[in-house]
Amino acid sequence: MADMKFTYVATCQNYGNQKRSGDRRATDILNLMVNNPSLRVAYIDEVEEREGDKVQKVYYSVLIKSVDNLDQEIFRIKLPGPAKLGEGKPENQNHAIIFTRGEALQTIDMNQDNYLEEAFKMRNLLEEFHEDHGVHPPSILGVREHIFTGSVSSLAWFMSNQETSFVTIGQRVLARPLKVRFHYGHPDVFDRIFHFTRGGFSKASRGINLSEDIFAGFNSTLRRGNVTHHEYIQVGKGRDVGLNQISLFEAKVACGNGEQTLSRDIYRLGHRFDFFRMLSFYFTTVGFYVSSM
């Protein structure tokens, strides 16, 4: 039943290069596919093709699965050029989205895992798409994260608290009553058909879309979507726990905010929000840094 209803695509841009150079990581990915027969892996293949006397590089998006302990190609789609024009992660997501099926899509990072009891609640979560969450039906269902590396050391515990305050407590208030939660937390479930027809899941301009996840929320809201937050399901997340990681997290959020200020999305949202939503929006994005400065 699960195989009929769900597809699981891991996107790994460099698999083709790793396989050619005999990298151990390619073997690891193959082992993953052999042990999990329903897993699909998407990667970008660079092929040199000869046209007359010219040799040119051609790029393909390829989807593979494992058959008899080897990888077998399912689809191959020619790309107009090299895929890595923007930031690595959003580009990695964008090239693999065409291989997904169905109406909802959950985007999970590589450092995240799920618990069995959470998987049982998945059906309830997907039903939220049909619930009444205000004027528009939800286009992104927000999910909380549980930092399971919190028990490593006192530093890790502090870091997990920092994450909890930002990703869970903060987002809860932003979603209700303020209604200014934009996608922040990677296990969120997207309404695939809504986003697929409105410019994709993640923006990937180099230098301005470092925090690609919040731009997905901006996009969604600007196009009459609705972002919610649900506390009854959580997804595990592992973090690198060092002292400089803590300040890097703060730096990442602050840099991301700088990028948002440069982008047009904030400008457009500010123009179209009603007064109260605009105030909450100001205070939870740019205003926070202005007032702390």
Foldseek 3Di string as FASTA:
>chain_A
DCLVAFAAEAEDACLQVCVVVVHVVNVVVLVVQVVPQRYKYWYKHWDWDDDPNDTDIWIWIWIWGDDPSHIDTDDIGTDPDDQPQFDDPVSSVVSCLVVGDDFKDFFDDPQWAFDPVLVVCVVVQVCQQVDDLDDARAFKEAEAAQEPCLPVDVQSVVLRVVSCVVRPVVQQVCVPPLQNRFFDDRRMMGRSVLQVVQPHQFDGHHPQCPVRRRVSRLSQVLVVHGYHYDYPHYMYGYDDGDPVVSVVVVVSLVSNLVSVVVDCSLVVCCVPDPDSSNVVNCCVGVVVVVVVD
